[in-house]
C-alpha atoms as a PDB file:
ATOM      1  CA  ALA A   1       0.000   0.000   0.000  1.00  0.00           C
ATOM      2  CA  GLU A   2       2.898   2.358   0.745  1.00  0.00           C
ATOM      3  CA  ALA A   3       4.463   1.746  -2.648  1.00  0.00           C
ATOM      4  CA  GLN A   4       1.230   2.648  -4.425  1.00  0.00           C
ATOM      5  CA  SER A   5       1.022   5.969  -2.599  1.00  0.00           C
ATOM      6  CA  THR A   6       4.388   7.124  -3.946  1.00  0.00           C
ATOM      7  CA  PRO A   7       4.127   9.768  -6.677  1.00  0.00           C
ATOM      8  CA  LEU A   8       6.040   7.592  -9.143  1.00  0.00           C
ATOM      9  CA  LEU A   9       3.712   4.582  -8.967  1.00  0.00           C
ATOM     10  CA  GLY A  10       0.517   6.293  -7.858  1.00  0.00           C
ATOM     11  CA  GLY A  11       0.797   8.984 -10.522  1.00  0.00           C
ATOM     12  CA  SER A  12       1.212   6.489 -13.336  1.00  0.00           C
ATOM     13  CA  GLN A  13      -1.779   4.511 -12.078  1.00  0.00           C
ATOM     14  CA  GLN A  14      -3.924   7.644 -12.071  1.00  0.00           C
ATOM     15  CA  VAL A  15      -2.797   8.459 -15.613  1.00  0.00           C
ATOM     16  CA  ASN A  16      -3.705   4.920 -16.662  1.00  0.00           C
ATOM     17  CA  LEU A  17      -7.134   5.294 -15.064  1.00  0.00           C
ATOM     18  CA  LEU A  18      -7.668   8.566 -16.913  1.00  0.00           C
ATOM     19  CA  GLY A  19      -6.606   6.791 -20.104  1.00  0.00           C
ATOM     20  CA  VAL A  20      -9.345   4.205 -19.558  1.00  0.00           C
ATOM     21  CA  VAL A  21     -11.912   6.952 -19.003  1.00  0.00           C
ATOM     22  CA  PHE A  22     -10.874   8.812 -22.151  1.00  0.00           C
ATOM     23  CA  ALA A  23     -10.754   5.570 -24.136  1.00  0.00           C
ATOM     24  CA  ALA A  24     -14.300   4.794 -23.009  1.00  0.00           C
ATOM     25  CA  ALA A  25     -15.489   8.268 -23.982  1.00  0.00           C
ATOM     26  CA  VAL A  26     -13.861   8.204 -27.412  1.00  0.00           C
ATOM     27  CA  ALA A  27     -14.919   4.615 -28.126  1.00  0.00           C
ATOM     28  CA  SER A  28     -18.524   5.229 -27.120  1.00  0.00           C
ATOM     29  CA  PHE A  29     -18.736   8.485 -29.077  1.00  0.00           C
ATOM     30  CA  GLY A  30     -17.214   6.805 -32.136  1.00  0.00           C
ATOM     31  CA  MET A  31     -19.512   3.809 -31.871  1.00  0.00           C
ATOM     32  CA  GLY A  32     -22.548   6.067 -31.530  1.00  0.00           C
ATOM     33  CA  LEU A  33     -21.546   7.989 -34.657  1.00  0.00           C
ATOM     34  CA  ILE A  34     -20.944   4.804 -36.626  1.00  0.00           C
ATOM     35  CA  VAL A  35     -24.335   3.359 -35.673  1.00  0.00           C
ATOM     36  CA  TYR A  36     -26.106   6.664 -36.347  1.00  0.00           C
ATOM     37  CA  THR A  37     -24.504   6.919 -39.809  1.00  0.00           C
ATOM     38  CA  LEU A  38     -25.397   3.308 -40.560  1.00  0.00           C
ATOM     39  CA  LEU A  39     -29.008   3.871 -39.564  1.00  0.00           C
ATOM     40  CA  ARG A  40     -29.254   7.091 -41.585  1.00  0.00           C
ATOM     41  CA  SER A  41     -28.067   5.205 -44.664  1.00  0.00           C
ATOM     42  CA  ARG A  42     -30.840   2.655 -44.070  1.00  0.00           C
ATOM     43  CA  TRP A  43     -33.517   5.285 -43.416  1.00  0.00           C
ATOM     44  CA  LYS A  44     -35.796   4.216 -46.309  1.00  0.00           C
ATOM     45  CA  GLU A  45     -35.524   0.552 -45.373  1.00  0.00           C
ATOM     46  CA  LEU A  46     -36.424   1.269 -41.754  1.00  0.00           C
ATOM     47  CA  ASN A  47     -39.376   3.441 -42.802  1.00  0.00           C
ATOM     48  CA  LEU A  48     -40.685   0.677 -45.048  1.00  0.00           C
ATOM     49  CA  MET A  49     -40.334  -1.853 -42.249  1.00  0.00           C
ATOM     50  CA  SER A  50     -42.317   0.473 -39.976  1.00  0.00           C
ATOM     51  CA  VAL A  51     -45.027   1.029 -42.582  1.00  0.00           C
ATOM     52  CA  LYS A  52     -45.293  -2.723 -43.202  1.00  0.00           C
ATOM     53  CA  GLY A  53     -46.152  -3.269 -39.556  1.00  0.00           C
ATOM     54  CA  TYR A  54     -42.942  -3.756 -37.615  1.00  0.00           C
ATOM     55  CA  SER A  55     -43.386  -2.467 -34.089  1.00  0.00           C
ATOM     56  CA  ALA A  56     -40.814  -0.210 -32.461  1.00  0.00           C
ATOM     57  CA  ARG A  57     -39.754  -3.107 -30.268  1.00  0.00           C
ATOM     58  CA  GLN A  58     -39.198  -5.405 -33.262  1.00  0.00           C
ATOM     59  CA  LEU A  59     -37.116  -2.768 -35.033  1.00  0.00           C
ATOM     60  CA  VAL A  60     -35.036  -2.045 -31.943  1.00  0.00           C
ATOM     61  CA  MET A  61     -34.426  -5.740 -31.291  1.00  0.00           C
ATOM     62  CA  SER A  62     -33.345  -6.524 -34.857  1.00  0.00           C
ATOM     63  CA  LEU A  63     -31.057  -3.489 -35.059  1.00  0.00           C
ATOM     64  CA  ALA A  64     -29.670  -4.069 -31.564  1.00  0.00           C
ATOM     65  CA  ILE A  65     -28.779  -7.688 -32.282  1.00  0.00           C
ATOM     66  CA  GLU A  66     -27.118  -6.652 -35.516  1.00  0.00           C
ATOM     67  CA  ASN A  67     -25.095  -3.801 -34.026  1.00  0.00           C
ATOM     68  CA  LEU A  68     -24.270  -5.293 -30.616  1.00  0.00           C
ATOM     69  CA  GLY A  69     -22.482  -8.111 -32.411  1.00  0.00           C
ATOM     70  CA  LEU A  70     -20.204  -5.494 -33.942  1.00  0.00           C
ATOM     71  CA  ALA A  71     -19.613  -3.811 -30.572  1.00  0.00           C
ATOM     72  CA  THR A  72     -18.902  -7.146 -28.883  1.00  0.00           C
ATOM     73  CA  LEU A  73     -16.460  -8.218 -31.589  1.00  0.00           C
ATOM     74  CA  ALA A  74     -14.629  -4.876 -31.368  1.00  0.00           C
ATOM     75  CA  THR A  75     -14.416  -5.154 -27.575  1.00  0.00           C
ATOM     76  CA  VAL A  76     -13.155  -8.749 -27.652  1.00  0.00           C
ATOM     77  CA  LEU A  77     -10.512  -7.880 -30.247  1.00  0.00           C
ATOM     78  CA  GLY A  78      -9.385  -4.832 -28.236  1.00  0.00           C
ATOM     79  CA  VAL A  79      -9.148  -6.742 -24.962  1.00  0.00           C
ATOM     80  CA  GLY A  80      -7.399  -9.662 -26.663  1.00  0.00           C
ATOM     81  CA  SER A  81      -4.757  -7.461 -28.287  1.00  0.00           C
ATOM     82  CA  GLY A  82      -4.232  -5.618 -24.975  1.00  0.00           C
ATOM     83  CA  ILE A  83      -3.702  -8.870 -23.095  1.00  0.00           C
ATOM     84  CA  VAL A  84      -1.247 -10.177 -25.707  1.00  0.00           C
ATOM     85  CA  TYR A  85       0.670  -6.884 -25.557  1.00  0.00           C
ATOM     86  CA  LEU A  86       0.864  -6.871 -21.751  1.00  0.00           C
ATOM     87  CA  MET A  87       1.899 -10.524 -21.582  1.00  0.00           C
ATOM     88  CA  GLY A  88       4.676  -9.790 -24.072  1.00  0.00           C
ATOM     89  CA  GLU A  89       5.893  -6.851 -22.002  1.00  0.00           C
ATOM     90  CA  VAL A  90       5.970  -8.944 -18.825  1.00  0.00           C
ATOM     91  CA  GLN A  91       7.888 -11.738 -20.573  1.00  0.00           C
ATOM     92  CA  LEU A  92      10.424  -9.307 -22.023  1.00  0.00           C
ATOM     93  CA  PHE A  93      10.913  -7.636 -18.650  1.00  0.00           C
ATOM     94  CA  ASN A  94      11.482 -10.980 -16.940  1.00  0.00           C
ATOM     95  CA  LYS A  95      13.926 -12.074 -19.639  1.00  0.00           C
ATOM     96  CA  TYR A  96      16.157  -9.005 -19.594  1.00  0.00           C
ATOM     97  CA  ILE A  97      15.908  -7.742 -16.016  1.00  0.00           C
ATOM     98  CA  LEU A  98      17.308 -10.123 -13.448  1.00  0.00           C
ATOM     99  CA  THR A  99      15.604  -9.610 -10.109  1.00  0.00           C
ATOM    100  CA  TYR A 100      14.848 -11.740  -7.098  1.00  0.00           C
ATOM    101  CA  THR A 101      11.262 -12.192  -8.114  1.00  0.00           C
ATOM    102  CA  ALA A 102       9.903 -12.364 -11.603  1.00  0.00           C
ATOM    103  CA  TRP A 103       7.006 -10.180 -12.609  1.00  0.00           C
ATOM    104  CA  ARG A 104       3.837 -11.983 -13.417  1.00  0.00           C
ATOM    105  CA  PHE A 105       0.843 -11.070 -15.474  1.00  0.00           C
ATOM    106  CA  SER A 106      -2.119 -10.415 -13.224  1.00  0.00           C
ATOM    107  CA  PHE A 107      -5.618  -9.335 -14.124  1.00  0.00           C
ATOM    108  CA  PRO A 108      -7.144  -7.984 -10.910  1.00  0.00           C
ATOM    109  CA  LEU A 109     -10.848  -7.683 -10.261  1.00  0.00           C
ATOM    110  CA  MET A 110     -10.726  -3.874 -10.548  1.00  0.00           C
ATOM    111  CA  SER A 111      -9.323  -4.143 -14.078  1.00  0.00           C
ATOM    112  CA  GLN A 112     -12.022  -6.633 -15.003  1.00  0.00           C
ATOM    113  CA  LEU A 113     -14.689  -4.279 -13.638  1.00  0.00           C
ATOM    114  CA  GLN A 114     -13.204  -1.383 -15.608  1.00  0.00           C
ATOM    115  CA  LEU A 115     -13.370  -3.437 -18.800  1.00  0.00           C
ATOM    116  CA  LEU A 116     -16.962  -4.399 -18.037  1.00  0.00           C
ATOM    117  CA  ALA A 117     -17.844  -0.736 -17.471  1.00  0.00           C
ATOM    118  CA  LEU A 118     -16.101   0.172 -20.730  1.00  0.00           C
ATOM    119  CA  TYR A 119     -18.101  -2.471 -22.577  1.00  0.00           C
ATOM    120  CA  LEU A 120     -21.374  -1.301 -21.017  1.00  0.00           C
ATOM    121  CA  VAL A 121     -20.664   2.305 -22.027  1.00  0.00           C
ATOM    122  CA  ILE A 122     -19.995   1.167 -25.604  1.00  0.00           C
ATOM    123  CA  VAL A 123     -23.219  -0.892 -25.596  1.00  0.00           C
ATOM    124  CA  ALA A 124     -25.181   2.123 -24.343  1.00  0.00           C
ATOM    125  CA  ALA A 125     -23.627   4.274 -27.052  1.00  0.00           C
ATOM    126  CA  THR A 126     -24.608   1.647 -29.616  1.00  0.00           C
ATOM    127  CA  LEU A 127     -28.197   1.395 -28.417  1.00  0.00           C
ATOM    128  CA  ALA A 128     -28.859   5.133 -27.989  1.00  0.00           C
ATOM    129  CA  PRO A 129     -28.985   6.032 -31.710  1.00  0.00           C
ATOM    130  CA  ILE A 130     -31.014   2.900 -32.439  1.00  0.00           C
ATOM    131  CA  VAL A 131     -33.683   3.841 -29.912  1.00  0.00           C
ATOM    132  CA  LEU A 132     -33.764   7.486 -31.015  1.00  0.00           C
ATOM    133  CA  ILE A 133     -34.082   6.739 -34.724  1.00  0.00           C
ATOM    134  CA  VAL A 134     -36.612   3.932 -34.282  1.00  0.00           C
ATOM    135  CA  ARG A 135     -38.725   6.173 -32.052  1.00  0.00           C
ATOM    136  CA  ARG A 136     -38.600   8.900 -34.689  1.00  0.00           C
ATOM    137  CA  ILE A 137     -39.509   6.520 -37.514  1.00  0.00           C
ATOM    138  CA  THR A 138     -42.346   4.768 -35.716  1.00  0.00           C
ATOM    139  CA  GLU A 139     -43.923   8.017 -34.512  1.00  0.00           C
ATOM    140  CA  GLN A 140     -44.088   9.440 -38.025  1.00  0.00           C
ATOM    141  CA  PRO A 141     -43.385   6.777 -40.668  1.00  0.00           C
ATOM    142  CA  ASN A 142     -42.750   8.204 -44.106  1.00  0.00           C
ATOM    143  CA  VAL A 143     -43.393   5.987 -47.128  1.00  0.00           C
ATOM    144  CA  LYS A 144     -40.968   8.044 -49.220  1.00  0.00           C
ATOM    145  CA  GLY A 145     -38.274   7.467 -46.584  1.00  0.00           C
ATOM    146  CA  GLU A 146     -37.239  11.108 -46.347  1.00  0.00           C
ATOM    147  CA  ALA A 147     -35.668  12.374 -43.160  1.00  0.00           C
END
C-alpha cells in the first residue's frame, strides 16, 4: 500500500485510469456515430419496415442484435490485443531484467470491472442512436423514406 502511494507509482496509475476513461469516452462516441450513420443510410428501409407493420420493439431488437455483435467483436478484439501486448511486455521484462522475483501477469478484479464498465458504455452508445431513430420513424413513418 505504501508503494502505491508514492508519486512515481501512484501517478502512473492515475494516468492509466484517466486513459481508460478517455478511451471509453472516445470509443462510445465513435460507436454512436458509426451506428447513427449506418441507420441514416438505411432510413428508407427502416421506414418501409415500420409502414409494413414492424413495431418499435421489433425494429429495436433486430437493429440491436445486428449492431451489438459489432460492438462485442470490437471489444473482444481490443481486450485480446491488450492482453497479448501486456503478456509480451511482462515476458520481455522478466527475460532481460534479473531480479529476485519475476514479474507476473495479473488481471485484478478492478481491471475486469473497468473493462466491463467500458463495454457497457460502448453498448449504451450503440443502443442510444437505435432507440432514437426507431422512435422517430415509428412516430411518423414516411413511405418516401425522407428524413
